[in-house]
């Protein structure tokens, strides 16, 4: 399996039970951060997502113009197929966008659309 996609996660995709249900394995990652973003709570209505995460409220990344806004998370190397599995996991309020992280690496992230 070629792990050539970068995925930044700040929420439920960091939970091992969600990773196993979504990717079939626990991901190994490194600490990183999104600068110029903040988190907001959203209500989840998708039963499949709730059953995987165990939560009806998730957080969503929102862009700000504040350079002192920082959201910590993990950076994972995943395969293109695993990235598609993450697309299937995320609900319609999230869109996948590529951003530059504090480390300077570009990664996919699920955020407010």
Protein backbone atom coordinates (compact mmCIF):
# COMPACT_ATOMS: atom_id res chain seq x y z
CA UNK A 1 0.00 0.00 0.00
CA UNK A 2 1.44 3.36 -1.02
CA UNK A 3 1.08 5.90 1.80
CA UNK A 4 1.66 9.04 -0.23
CA UNK A 5 -1.27 11.25 0.86
CA UNK A 6 -1.05 13.49 3.92
CA UNK A 7 -4.13 13.84 6.14
CA UNK A 8 -4.33 16.31 9.03
CA UNK A 9 -6.83 15.43 11.76
CA UNK A 10 -7.91 17.47 14.77
CA UNK A 11 -10.99 15.48 15.77
CA UNK A 12 -12.62 12.08 15.67
CA UNK A 13 -10.29 10.70 12.99
CA UNK A 14 -7.65 10.73 15.75
CA UNK A 15 -9.60 8.13 17.75
CA UNK A 16 -8.31 4.56 17.27
CA UNK A 17 -11.84 3.08 17.14
CA UNK A 18 -12.80 5.51 14.34
CA UNK A 19 -9.55 4.75 12.47
CA UNK A 20 -10.16 0.99 12.64
CA UNK A 21 -13.77 1.41 11.47
CA UNK A 22 -12.74 3.81 8.68
CA UNK A 23 -9.32 2.55 7.54
CA UNK A 24 -9.11 -0.97 8.95
CA UNK A 25 -6.02 -0.04 10.96
CA UNK A 26 -4.71 2.40 13.56
CA UNK A 27 -2.76 5.21 11.90
CA UNK A 28 0.64 6.42 13.05
CA UNK A 29 0.99 10.18 13.03
CA UNK A 30 3.05 13.15 14.08
CA UNK A 31 2.01 16.32 15.87
CA UNK A 32 1.32 19.38 13.70
CA UNK A 33 -1.01 22.37 13.70
CA UNK A 34 -3.21 24.48 11.44
CA UNK A 35 -2.50 28.21 11.81
CA UNK A 36 -5.26 30.74 11.10
CA UNK A 37 -8.07 28.32 12.00
CA UNK A 38 -10.37 27.63 14.93
CA UNK A 39 -12.82 24.90 15.92
CA UNK A 40 -16.59 25.12 16.20
CA UNK A 41 -19.07 22.49 17.38
CA UNK A 42 -21.60 20.99 14.96
CA UNK A 43 -24.43 18.52 15.49
CA UNK A 44 -24.09 15.17 13.68
CA UNK A 45 -27.23 13.38 12.46
CA UNK A 46 -25.61 10.54 10.50
CA UNK A 47 -26.18 7.32 12.49
CA UNK A 48 -23.16 5.55 10.93
CA UNK A 49 -20.80 8.37 11.94
CA UNK A 50 -22.33 8.54 15.43
CA UNK A 51 -21.91 4.78 15.84
CA UNK A 52 -18.21 5.01 14.90
CA UNK A 53 -17.37 8.11 16.97
CA UNK A 54 -19.81 7.63 19.83
CA UNK A 55 -20.64 11.35 19.65
CA UNK A 56 -23.50 13.46 18.30
CA UNK A 57 -21.42 16.63 18.45
CA UNK A 58 -18.18 16.94 16.49
CA UNK A 59 -15.83 19.83 15.92
CA UNK A 60 -15.23 21.44 12.55
CA UNK A 61 -12.26 23.52 11.39
CA UNK A 62 -13.13 27.08 10.34
CA UNK A 63 -10.75 29.55 8.67
CA UNK A 64 -10.12 32.87 10.45
CA UNK A 65 -7.94 35.83 9.57
CA UNK A 66 -6.27 35.59 12.97
CA UNK A 67 -2.65 34.42 12.77
CA UNK A 68 -2.73 33.62 16.50
CA UNK A 69 -5.53 31.06 16.00
CA UNK A 70 -3.96 27.60 16.11
CA UNK A 71 -5.58 24.16 16.02
CA UNK A 72 -3.37 21.27 17.10
CA UNK A 73 -3.75 17.84 15.59
CA UNK A 74 -1.98 14.93 13.96
CA UNK A 75 -0.56 14.46 10.50
CA UNK A 76 -1.01 11.00 9.01
CA UNK A 77 0.39 9.32 5.92
CA UNK A 78 -2.47 7.48 4.21
CA UNK A 79 -3.10 5.84 0.86
CA UNK A 80 -5.35 7.42 -1.78
CA UNK A 81 -7.87 4.64 -1.08
CA UNK A 82 -7.82 5.44 2.66
CA UNK A 83 -8.41 9.10 1.82
CA UNK A 84 -11.55 8.04 -0.08
CA UNK A 85 -12.66 6.06 3.00
CA UNK A 86 -12.24 9.26 5.04
CA UNK A 87 -14.38 11.08 2.45
CA UNK A 88 -17.10 8.49 3.05
CA UNK A 89 -16.84 8.90 6.85
CA UNK A 90 -17.19 12.69 6.93
CA UNK A 91 -20.69 14.20 6.80
CA UNK A 92 -21.88 16.85 4.36
CA UNK A 93 -20.87 19.84 6.53
CA UNK A 94 -17.19 18.92 5.95
CA UNK A 95 -15.27 19.48 2.76
CA UNK A 96 -11.78 18.17 2.04
CA UNK A 97 -9.30 20.97 1.35
CA UNK A 98 -5.52 21.10 1.12
CA UNK A 99 -3.83 23.50 3.54
CA UNK A 100 -0.28 24.29 4.61
CA UNK A 101 0.42 23.30 8.21
CA UNK A 102 2.74 24.84 10.80
CA UNK A 103 5.44 22.34 9.73
CA UNK A 104 5.26 23.70 6.18
CA UNK A 105 3.79 20.43 4.88
CA UNK A 106 0.69 20.49 2.71
CA UNK A 107 -2.04 18.11 3.84
CA UNK A 108 -5.68 17.33 3.25
CA UNK A 109 -8.02 18.37 6.04
CA UNK A 110 -11.79 18.17 6.53
CA UNK A 111 -13.18 21.61 7.32
CA UNK A 112 -16.24 23.83 7.02
CA UNK A 113 -17.32 24.31 3.42
